[in-house]
C-alpha atoms as a PDB file:
ATOM      1  CA  MET A   1      -0.020   0.016   0.001  1.00  0.00           C
ATOM      2  CA  PRO A   2       2.787   2.581   0.800  1.00  0.00           C
ATOM      3  CA  ASP A   3       4.334   1.973  -2.677  1.00  0.00           C
ATOM      4  CA  SER A   4       0.944   2.516  -4.261  1.00  0.00           C
ATOM      5  CA  VAL A   5       0.518   5.855  -2.543  1.00  0.00           C
ATOM      6  CA  GLY A   6       3.828   6.970  -3.357  1.00  0.00           C
ATOM      7  CA  ALA A   7       3.335   6.061  -7.081  1.00  0.00           C
ATOM      8  CA  ASP A   8       0.166   8.115  -6.986  1.00  0.00           C
ATOM      9  CA  HIS A   9       2.254  11.052  -5.546  1.00  0.00           C
ATOM     10  CA  GLU A  10       4.806  10.734  -8.369  1.00  0.00           C
ATOM     11  CA  LEU A  11       2.315  10.356 -11.083  1.00  0.00           C
ATOM     12  CA  VAL A  12       0.242  13.367 -10.148  1.00  0.00           C
ATOM     13  CA  THR A  13       3.288  15.456  -9.534  1.00  0.00           C
ATOM     14  CA  ARG A  14       4.647  14.621 -12.987  1.00  0.00           C
ATOM     15  CA  THR A  15       1.382  15.485 -14.543  1.00  0.00           C
ATOM     16  CA  LEU A  16       1.423  18.849 -12.603  1.00  0.00           C
ATOM     17  CA  PHE A  17       4.955  19.799 -13.834  1.00  0.00           C
ATOM     18  CA  ALA A  18       4.207  18.757 -17.390  1.00  0.00           C
ATOM     19  CA  SER A  19       1.098  21.200 -17.340  1.00  0.00           C
ATOM     20  CA  ALA A  20       2.660  23.995 -15.386  1.00  0.00           C
ATOM     21  CA  LEU A  21       5.766  24.175 -17.452  1.00  0.00           C
ATOM     22  CA  GLY A  22       4.162  23.550 -20.832  1.00  0.00           C
ATOM     23  CA  SER A  23       2.682  25.816 -23.389  1.00  0.00           C
ATOM     24  CA  THR A  24       0.195  27.411 -21.107  1.00  0.00           C
ATOM     25  CA  PRO A  25       2.247  28.630 -18.091  1.00  0.00           C
ATOM     26  CA  HIS A  26      -0.572  30.367 -16.379  1.00  0.00           C
ATOM     27  CA  THR A  27      -2.591  26.859 -16.238  1.00  0.00           C
ATOM     28  CA  ILE A  28      -2.270  24.002 -13.913  1.00  0.00           C
ATOM     29  CA  THR A  29      -4.082  20.838 -14.800  1.00  0.00           C
ATOM     30  CA  LEU A  30      -4.078  17.588 -12.862  1.00  0.00           C
ATOM     31  CA  ASN A  31      -5.744  15.018 -15.319  1.00  0.00           C
ATOM     32  CA  CYS A  32      -4.594  11.935 -13.442  1.00  0.00           C
ATOM     33  CA  ARG A  33      -7.862  10.073 -13.014  1.00  0.00           C
ATOM     34  CA  GLU A  34      -8.682   8.791  -9.580  1.00  0.00           C
ATOM     35  CA  SER A  35      -5.636  10.109  -7.949  1.00  0.00           C
ATOM     36  CA  PRO A  36      -6.054  12.092  -4.739  1.00  0.00           C
ATOM     37  CA  ILE A  37      -4.485  15.392  -3.910  1.00  0.00           C
ATOM     38  CA  HIS A  38      -1.770  14.649  -1.376  1.00  0.00           C
ATOM     39  CA  ARG A  39       0.234  17.096   0.680  1.00  0.00           C
ATOM     40  CA  THR A  40       3.180  16.429  -1.526  1.00  0.00           C
ATOM     41  CA  VAL A  41       1.320  17.617  -4.451  1.00  0.00           C
ATOM     42  CA  ARG A  42       0.220  20.739  -2.549  1.00  0.00           C
ATOM     43  CA  ASN A  43       3.777  21.494  -1.945  1.00  0.00           C
ATOM     44  CA  ARG A  44       4.586  21.267  -5.648  1.00  0.00           C
ATOM     45  CA  MET A  45       1.644  23.466  -6.482  1.00  0.00           C
ATOM     46  CA  MET A  46       2.826  26.013  -4.077  1.00  0.00           C
ATOM     47  CA  ASP A  47       6.316  25.877  -5.691  1.00  0.00           C
ATOM     48  CA  GLN A  48       4.608  26.503  -9.022  1.00  0.00           C
ATOM     49  CA  LEU A  49       2.523  29.358  -7.678  1.00  0.00           C
ATOM     50  CA  ASN A  50       5.802  31.095  -6.625  1.00  0.00           C
ATOM     51  CA  MET A  51       7.008  30.915 -10.279  1.00  0.00           C
ATOM     52  CA  PHE A  52       4.010  31.746 -12.119  1.00  0.00           C
ATOM     53  CA  VAL A  53       0.780  33.794 -11.831  1.00  0.00           C
ATOM     54  CA  ILE A  54      -1.901  30.921 -12.048  1.00  0.00           C
ATOM     55  CA  THR A  55      -5.095  31.968 -13.627  1.00  0.00           C
ATOM     56  CA  HIS A  56      -6.540  28.498 -14.396  1.00  0.00           C
ATOM     57  CA  LEU A  57      -6.606  25.440 -12.130  1.00  0.00           C
ATOM     58  CA  ASN A  58      -8.127  22.299 -13.347  1.00  0.00           C
ATOM     59  CA  LEU A  59      -8.422  19.401 -10.903  1.00  0.00           C
ATOM     60  CA  SER A  60     -11.328  17.596 -12.353  1.00  0.00           C
ATOM     61  CA  LYS A  61     -11.650  13.955 -11.677  1.00  0.00           C
ATOM     62  CA  THR A  62      -8.783  13.808  -9.216  1.00  0.00           C
ATOM     63  CA  ALA A  63     -11.169  12.234  -6.497  1.00  0.00           C
ATOM     64  CA  MET A  64      -9.521  14.486  -3.821  1.00  0.00           C
ATOM     65  CA  GLY A  65     -12.407  14.253  -1.348  1.00  0.00           C
ATOM     66  CA  ALA A  66     -12.775  16.400   1.615  1.00  0.00           C
ATOM     67  CA  PRO A  67      -9.086  15.800   2.830  1.00  0.00           C
ATOM     68  CA  GLY A  68      -7.912  17.017  -0.634  1.00  0.00           C
ATOM     69  CA  ALA A  69     -10.261  20.056  -0.397  1.00  0.00           C
ATOM     70  CA  SER A  70      -8.383  20.944   2.841  1.00  0.00           C
ATOM     71  CA  GLU A  71      -5.051  20.884   1.194  1.00  0.00           C
ATOM     72  CA  LEU A  72      -6.381  22.891  -1.837  1.00  0.00           C
ATOM     73  CA  ALA A  73      -7.837  25.504   0.351  1.00  0.00           C
ATOM     74  CA  LYS A  74      -4.259  26.451   1.449  1.00  0.00           C
ATOM     75  CA  VAL A  75      -3.277  26.843  -2.154  1.00  0.00           C
ATOM     76  CA  LEU A  76      -6.428  28.931  -3.006  1.00  0.00           C
ATOM     77  CA  ARG A  77      -5.549  31.360  -0.044  1.00  0.00           C
ATOM     78  CA  VAL A  78      -2.604  32.729  -2.172  1.00  0.00           C
ATOM     79  CA  CYS A  79      -4.291  32.550  -5.552  1.00  0.00           C
ATOM     80  CA  ALA A  80      -5.190  36.224  -5.955  1.00  0.00           C
ATOM     81  CA  SER A  81      -5.109  35.964  -9.750  1.00  0.00           C
ATOM     82  CA  LEU A  82      -7.100  32.821 -10.236  1.00  0.00           C
ATOM     83  CA  GLU A  83      -9.958  33.209 -12.722  1.00  0.00           C
ATOM     84  CA  ASP A  84     -11.117  29.516 -13.333  1.00  0.00           C
ATOM     85  CA  LEU A  85     -11.441  26.679 -10.776  1.00  0.00           C
ATOM     86  CA  ASN A  86     -12.534  23.315 -12.045  1.00  0.00           C
ATOM     87  CA  LEU A  87     -13.250  20.692  -9.457  1.00  0.00           C
ATOM     88  CA  SER A  88     -15.653  18.544 -11.509  1.00  0.00           C
ATOM     89  CA  GLY A  89     -15.940  15.064 -10.255  1.00  0.00           C
ATOM     90  CA  CYS A  90     -13.719  15.471  -7.254  1.00  0.00           C
ATOM     91  CA  ARG A  91     -16.137  13.952  -4.642  1.00  0.00           C
ATOM     92  CA  ILE A  92     -15.522  16.735  -2.171  1.00  0.00           C
ATOM     93  CA  LYS A  93     -19.169  16.530  -0.884  1.00  0.00           C
ATOM     94  CA  SER A  94     -20.599  19.058   1.579  1.00  0.00           C
ATOM     95  CA  GLU A  95     -17.639  18.684   3.855  1.00  0.00           C
ATOM     96  CA  GLY A  96     -15.286  19.685   1.160  1.00  0.00           C
ATOM     97  CA  VAL A  97     -17.485  22.469  -0.117  1.00  0.00           C
ATOM     98  CA  GLN A  98     -17.489  24.041   3.377  1.00  0.00           C
ATOM     99  CA  ILE A  99     -13.629  24.194   3.379  1.00  0.00           C
ATOM    100  CA  ILE A 100     -13.355  25.502  -0.181  1.00  0.00           C
ATOM    101  CA  ALA A 101     -16.107  27.980   0.195  1.00  0.00           C
ATOM    102  CA  ALA A 102     -14.433  29.654   3.118  1.00  0.00           C
ATOM    103  CA  VAL A 103     -11.429  30.755   1.007  1.00  0.00           C
ATOM    104  CA  LEU A 104     -12.973  31.399  -2.388  1.00  0.00           C
ATOM    105  CA  PRO A 105     -13.772  35.108  -1.548  1.00  0.00           C
ATOM    106  CA  LYS A 106      -9.940  35.492  -1.332  1.00  0.00           C
ATOM    107  CA  CYS A 107      -9.787  34.686  -5.193  1.00  0.00           C
ATOM    108  CA  ALA A 108     -10.790  38.166  -5.985  1.00  0.00           C
ATOM    109  CA  VAL A 109     -10.931  37.741  -9.891  1.00  0.00           C
ATOM    110  CA  LEU A 110     -12.411  34.365  -9.927  1.00  0.00           C
ATOM    111  CA  THR A 111     -14.982  34.220 -12.813  1.00  0.00           C
ATOM    112  CA  ALA A 112     -15.710  30.514 -13.259  1.00  0.00           C
ATOM    113  CA  LEU A 113     -16.450  27.859 -10.625  1.00  0.00           C
ATOM    114  CA  ASN A 114     -17.191  24.257 -11.594  1.00  0.00           C
ATOM    115  CA  LEU A 115     -18.377  21.939  -9.001  1.00  0.00           C
ATOM    116  CA  HIS A 116     -20.174  19.318 -11.274  1.00  0.00           C
ATOM    117  CA  GLU A 117     -20.848  15.898  -9.874  1.00  0.00           C
ATOM    118  CA  ASN A 118     -19.466  16.358  -6.248  1.00  0.00           C
ATOM    119  CA  ALA A 119     -22.383  15.061  -4.214  1.00  0.00           C
ATOM    120  CA  ILE A 120     -22.599  18.299  -2.346  1.00  0.00           C
ATOM    121  CA  GLY A 121     -26.341  18.047  -1.579  1.00  0.00           C
ATOM    122  CA  GLN A 122     -28.587  20.679  -0.111  1.00  0.00           C
ATOM    123  CA  ASP A 123     -26.074  21.441   2.684  1.00  0.00           C
ATOM    124  CA  GLY A 124     -23.226  22.167   0.180  1.00  0.00           C
ATOM    125  CA  ALA A 125     -25.597  24.367  -1.958  1.00  0.00           C
ATOM    126  CA  ARG A 126     -26.170  26.287   1.185  1.00  0.00           C
ATOM    127  CA  LYS A 127     -22.340  26.851   1.757  1.00  0.00           C
ATOM    128  CA  ILE A 128     -21.979  27.911  -1.796  1.00  0.00           C
ATOM    129  CA  ALA A 129     -24.987  30.256  -1.727  1.00  0.00           C
ATOM    130  CA  ALA A 130     -23.616  31.878   1.369  1.00  0.00           C
ATOM    131  CA  ILE A 131     -20.395  32.928  -0.290  1.00  0.00           C
ATOM    132  CA  LEU A 132     -21.721  33.838  -3.829  1.00  0.00           C
ATOM    133  CA  PRO A 133     -22.343  37.408  -3.003  1.00  0.00           C
ATOM    134  CA  SER A 134     -18.724  37.894  -1.787  1.00  0.00           C
ATOM    135  CA  CYS A 135     -17.354  36.624  -5.132  1.00  0.00           C
ATOM    136  CA  ALA A 136     -18.017  39.805  -7.033  1.00  0.00           C
ATOM    137  CA  SER A 137     -16.285  38.647 -10.211  1.00  0.00           C
ATOM    138  CA  LEU A 138     -17.966  35.371 -10.600  1.00  0.00           C
ATOM    139  CA  LYS A 139     -19.829  34.919 -13.865  1.00  0.00           C
ATOM    140  CA  ASN A 140     -20.265  31.142 -14.448  1.00  0.00           C
ATOM    141  CA  VAL A 141     -21.351  28.627 -11.747  1.00  0.00           C
ATOM    142  CA  HIS A 142     -21.645  24.905 -12.623  1.00  0.00           C
ATOM    143  CA  LEU A 143     -23.419  23.014  -9.983  1.00  0.00           C
ATOM    144  CA  SER A 144     -25.032  20.032 -12.015  1.00  0.00           C
ATOM    145  CA  ARG A 145     -25.475  16.560 -10.765  1.00  0.00           C
ATOM    146  CA  ASN A 146     -25.204  17.337  -7.120  1.00  0.00           C
ATOM    147  CA  ARG A 147     -28.635  16.408  -5.785  1.00  0.00           C
ATOM    148  CA  ILE A 148     -29.222  19.793  -4.280  1.00  0.00           C
ATOM    149  CA  GLY A 149     -33.073  19.342  -4.538  1.00  0.00           C
ATOM    150  CA  ASP A 150     -35.722  21.995  -3.764  1.00  0.00           C
ATOM    151  CA  ALA A 151     -34.132  23.033  -0.585  1.00  0.00           C
ATOM    152  CA  GLY A 152     -30.814  23.742  -2.346  1.00  0.00           C
ATOM    153  CA  ALA A 153     -32.443  25.605  -5.141  1.00  0.00           C
ATOM    154  CA  MET A 154     -34.530  27.742  -2.722  1.00  0.00           C
ATOM    155  CA  THR A 155     -31.279  28.591  -0.737  1.00  0.00           C
ATOM    156  CA  LEU A 156     -29.558  29.686  -3.893  1.00  0.00           C
ATOM    157  CA  ALA A 157     -32.492  31.683  -5.068  1.00  0.00           C
ATOM    158  CA  ARG A 158     -32.302  33.754  -1.873  1.00  0.00           C
ATOM    159  CA  GLU A 159     -28.810  34.774  -2.561  1.00  0.00           C
ATOM    160  CA  LEU A 160     -28.729  35.078  -6.445  1.00  0.00           C
ATOM    161  CA  PRO A 161     -30.151  38.744  -6.518  1.00  0.00           C
ATOM    162  CA  LYS A 162     -26.991  39.757  -4.431  1.00  0.00           C
ATOM    163  CA  CYS A 163     -24.617  38.440  -7.155  1.00  0.00           C
ATOM    164  CA  ALA A 164     -23.521  41.401  -9.201  1.00  0.00           C
ATOM    165  CA  SER A 165     -21.912  39.604 -12.049  1.00  0.00           C
ATOM    166  CA  LEU A 166     -23.358  36.100 -12.414  1.00  0.00           C
ATOM    167  CA  GLU A 167     -24.404  35.266 -16.024  1.00  0.00           C
ATOM    168  CA  HIS A 168     -24.524  31.550 -16.324  1.00  0.00           C
ATOM    169  CA  LEU A 169     -26.056  29.244 -13.592  1.00  0.00           C
ATOM    170  CA  ASN A 170     -26.124  25.449 -14.348  1.00  0.00           C
ATOM    171  CA  LEU A 171     -28.279  23.422 -12.054  1.00  0.00           C
ATOM    172  CA  ALA A 172     -28.988  20.471 -14.369  1.00  0.00           C
ATOM    173  CA  TRP A 173     -29.749  16.983 -12.957  1.00  0.00           C
ATOM    174  CA  ASN A 174     -30.241  18.139  -9.336  1.00  0.00           C
ATOM    175  CA  CYS A 175     -33.754  16.691  -8.538  1.00  0.00           C
ATOM    176  CA  ILE A 176     -35.210  20.108  -8.321  1.00  0.00           C
ATOM    177  CA  GLY A 177     -39.079  20.117  -8.376  1.00  0.00           C
ATOM    178  CA  HIS A 178     -41.695  22.714  -8.795  1.00  0.00           C
ATOM    179  CA  ASP A 179     -41.057  24.278  -5.305  1.00  0.00           C
ATOM    180  CA  GLY A 180     -37.512  25.036  -6.340  1.00  0.00           C
ATOM    181  CA  ALA A 181     -38.521  26.308  -9.825  1.00  0.00           C
ATOM    182  CA  PHE A 182     -41.046  28.560  -8.070  1.00  0.00           C
ATOM    183  CA  SER A 183     -38.315  30.117  -5.801  1.00  0.00           C
ATOM    184  CA  LEU A 184     -36.068  30.662  -8.913  1.00  0.00           C
ATOM    185  CA  ALA A 185     -39.042  32.115 -10.936  1.00  0.00           C
ATOM    186  CA  LEU A 186     -39.554  34.701  -8.211  1.00  0.00           C
ATOM    187  CA  ILE A 187     -36.117  36.228  -8.366  1.00  0.00           C
ATOM    188  CA  LEU A 188     -35.324  36.211 -12.219  1.00  0.00           C
ATOM    189  CA  ASP A 189     -36.302  39.700 -12.411  1.00  0.00           C
ATOM    190  CA  GLU A 190     -33.954  40.775  -9.545  1.00  0.00           C
ATOM    191  CA  CYS A 191     -30.875  39.234 -11.354  1.00  0.00           C
ATOM    192  CA  PRO A 192     -30.260  41.540 -14.406  1.00  0.00           C
ATOM    193  CA  PRO A 193     -26.869  39.949 -15.143  1.00  0.00           C
ATOM    194  CA  LEU A 194     -28.218  36.388 -15.485  1.00  0.00           C
ATOM    195  CA  ARG A 195     -28.534  35.382 -19.053  1.00  0.00           C
ATOM    196  CA  ILE A 196     -28.411  31.499 -19.041  1.00  0.00           C
ATOM    197  CA  LEU A 197     -30.203  29.207 -16.512  1.00  0.00           C
ATOM    198  CA  ASP A 198     -29.864  25.471 -17.143  1.00  0.00           C
ATOM    199  CA  LEU A 199     -32.396  23.266 -15.349  1.00  0.00           C
ATOM    200  CA  ASN A 200     -32.102  20.324 -17.642  1.00  0.00           C
ATOM    201  CA  GLY A 201     -32.912  16.832 -16.265  1.00  0.00           C
ATOM    202  CA  ASN A 202     -34.781  17.923 -13.003  1.00  0.00           C
ATOM    203  CA  CYS A 203     -38.252  17.247 -11.872  1.00  0.00           C
ATOM    204  CA  LEU A 204     -40.055  20.572 -12.599  1.00  0.00           C
ATOM    205  CA  GLY A 205     -43.198  19.100 -14.138  1.00  0.00           C
ATOM    206  CA  ASP A 206     -45.885  21.313 -15.769  1.00  0.00           C
ATOM    207  CA  ALA A 207     -46.108  23.558 -12.700  1.00  0.00           C
ATOM    208  CA  GLY A 208     -42.436  24.327 -12.604  1.00  0.00           C
ATOM    209  CA  ALA A 209     -42.291  25.015 -16.274  1.00  0.00           C
ATOM    210  CA  LEU A 210     -45.191  27.393 -16.054  1.00  0.00           C
ATOM    211  CA  PHE A 211     -43.696  29.357 -13.029  1.00  0.00           C
ATOM    212  CA  LEU A 212     -40.442  29.850 -14.871  1.00  0.00           C
ATOM    213  CA  THR A 213     -41.925  30.880 -18.181  1.00  0.00           C
ATOM    214  CA  PHE A 214     -44.380  33.243 -16.597  1.00  0.00           C
ATOM    215  CA  ALA A 215     -41.464  34.940 -14.888  1.00  0.00           C
ATOM    216  CA  LEU A 216     -40.090  35.697 -18.315  1.00  0.00           C
ATOM    217  CA  LYS A 217     -42.653  38.409 -19.041  1.00  0.00           C
ATOM    218  CA  GLN A 218     -41.000  40.570 -16.290  1.00  0.00           C
ATOM    219  CA  PRO A 219     -39.637  43.599 -17.824  1.00  0.00           C
ATOM    220  CA  CYS A 220     -36.206  43.430 -15.834  1.00  0.00           C
ATOM    221  CA  THR A 221     -35.511  39.762 -16.757  1.00  0.00           C
ATOM    222  CA  SER A 222     -32.532  39.655 -19.030  1.00  0.00           C
ATOM    223  CA  LEU A 223     -32.535  35.853 -19.293  1.00  0.00           C
ATOM    224  CA  ASP A 224     -32.066  34.794 -22.901  1.00  0.00           C
ATOM    225  CA  ARG A 225     -31.429  31.105 -22.503  1.00  0.00           C
ATOM    226  CA  LEU A 226     -33.684  28.849 -20.434  1.00  0.00           C
ATOM    227  CA  ASP A 227     -33.065  25.000 -20.562  1.00  0.00           C
ATOM    228  CA  LEU A 228     -36.207  22.989 -19.370  1.00  0.00           C
ATOM    229  CA  SER A 229     -35.365  19.832 -21.162  1.00  0.00           C
ATOM    230  CA  VAL A 230     -36.194  16.375 -19.671  1.00  0.00           C
ATOM    231  CA  ASN A 231     -38.375  17.755 -16.709  1.00  0.00           C
ATOM    232  CA  ASN A 232     -41.470  15.636 -16.871  1.00  0.00           C
ATOM    233  CA  ILE A 233     -43.220  18.322 -18.773  1.00  0.00           C
ATOM    234  CA  THR A 234     -46.339  16.901 -20.530  1.00  0.00           C
ATOM    235  CA  THR A 235     -46.752  17.142 -24.399  1.00  0.00           C
ATOM    236  CA  HIS A 236     -49.826  19.408 -23.908  1.00  0.00           C
ATOM    237  CA  ARG A 237     -47.772  21.827 -21.741  1.00  0.00           C
ATOM    238  CA  GLN A 238     -44.763  21.824 -24.056  1.00  0.00           C
ATOM    239  CA  LYS A 239     -47.118  22.583 -26.990  1.00  0.00           C
ATOM    240  CA  MET A 240     -48.591  25.444 -25.090  1.00  0.00           C
ATOM    241  CA  LEU A 241     -45.322  26.823 -24.234  1.00  0.00           C
ATOM    242  CA  THR A 242     -43.921  26.643 -27.786  1.00  0.00           C
ATOM    243  CA  GLN A 243     -47.112  28.309 -29.150  1.00  0.00           C
ATOM    244  CA  HIS A 244     -47.483  31.131 -26.554  1.00  0.00           C
ATOM    245  CA  VAL A 245     -43.860  32.036 -25.478  1.00  0.00           C
ATOM    246  CA  PRO A 246     -43.074  33.971 -28.604  1.00  0.00           C
ATOM    247  CA  CYS A 247     -45.894  36.517 -28.423  1.00  0.00           C
ATOM    248  CA  LYS A 248     -46.216  36.648 -24.527  1.00  0.00           C
ATOM    249  CA  TYR A 249     -42.488  36.566 -23.608  1.00  0.00           C
ATOM    250  CA  PRO A 250     -40.518  38.602 -26.035  1.00  0.00           C
ATOM    251  CA  ASN A 251     -37.579  38.802 -23.764  1.00  0.00           C
ATOM    252  CA  LEU A 252     -36.633  35.168 -24.571  1.00  0.00           C
ATOM    253  CA  PRO A 253     -36.039  34.200 -28.243  1.00  0.00           C
ATOM    254  CA  MET A 254     -38.005  31.125 -29.103  1.00  0.00           C
ATOM    255  CA  HIS A 255     -35.045  29.130 -30.122  1.00  0.00           C
ATOM    256  CA  ASN A 256     -33.292  29.745 -26.660  1.00  0.00           C
ATOM    257  CA  LEU A 257     -36.134  28.026 -24.845  1.00  0.00           C
ATOM    258  CA  ILE A 258     -34.892  24.567 -24.672  1.00  0.00           C
ATOM    259  CA  LEU A 259     -37.535  21.906 -24.459  1.00  0.00           C
ATOM    260  CA  ARG A 260     -35.807  18.877 -25.703  1.00  0.00           C
ATOM    261  CA  ARG A 261     -37.530  15.501 -25.151  1.00  0.00           C
ATOM    262  CA  PRO A 262     -35.628  12.707 -23.230  1.00  0.00           C
ATOM    263  CA  GLN A 263     -32.827  10.883 -25.244  1.00  0.00           C
ATOM    264  CA  ALA A 264     -31.502   7.465 -24.817  1.00  0.00           C
ATOM    265  CA  ASP A 265     -28.527   8.706 -22.724  1.00  0.00           C
ATOM    266  CA  ASP A 266     -31.065  10.670 -20.428  1.00  0.00           C
ATOM    267  CA  CYS A 267     -32.852   7.454 -19.689  1.00  0.00           C
ATOM    268  CA  ALA A 268     -29.696   5.647 -18.891  1.00  0.00           C
ATOM    269  CA  CYS A 269     -28.563   8.028 -16.244  1.00  0.00           C
ATOM    270  CA  SER A 270     -32.184   8.752 -14.937  1.00  0.00           C
ATOM    271  CA  ALA A 271     -31.949   6.116 -12.156  1.00  0.00           C
ATOM    272  CA  ARG A 272     -28.632   7.606 -10.803  1.00  0.00           C
ATOM    273  CA  ASP A 273     -29.453  11.332 -11.158  1.00  0.00           C
ATOM    274  CA  ARG A 274     -33.133  11.659 -11.039  1.00  0.00           C
ATOM    275  CA  ALA A 275     -34.276   9.862  -8.052  1.00  0.00           C
ATOM    276  CA  CYS A 276     -36.644  12.763  -7.170  1.00  0.00           C
ATOM    277  CA  ASP A 277     -39.292  10.988  -5.048  1.00  0.00           C
END
């Protein structure tokens, strides 16, 4: 076992050096699948941060978990120039989110945060929501496949109007129902920067879809892309939306209201990602 852990250290470290010293010196990417972030790697990252101004940090699929998030937080404290943080598929869960969220406001120019597929749940969504207003430069937040549910969506909705720059919010495949949709619909006209809202693969149903499309008539709403695909919306409701949205909701161009029907891939992942009952 010690040899295996040591091998992981060396493999991730070599990947780190290859990325940091390659053609994009302002980007660090760890693309070693399933390898955790260990203290050795953090130290090497700190060495690189002393050499370069790091603007992009991609740690996707490194399976760091909450312990790795704790090590990463020490790096983020000194990443004043970080613009893009990708933690997709890192399994940090709500415990890891709490650690990362505490230091994210120190990344003063952070514009993109990707927490796709981290099992953060509603508790993790609450932690993220609490710090969003403090991240004044944040434009793109990706929280898909995290099972935040209605409670998570409602918590986020309370904080979104305080986000000065947020343009793109991805909440796809999160078991959000009509209660979460209603909360989001209520604040759309209070979020002028928000232009893209992705709710694909949730459980909105006819009621949730109606809440959201009705909100589009608000004069202050600047949303120009709304994805409601794969949301248990009946054929009748979809037909009504496609017929009435163009004339009643001029803020949203019809081709940017996405109502795609379920595909084979959607059905394959439904059991894992859409257990909404």
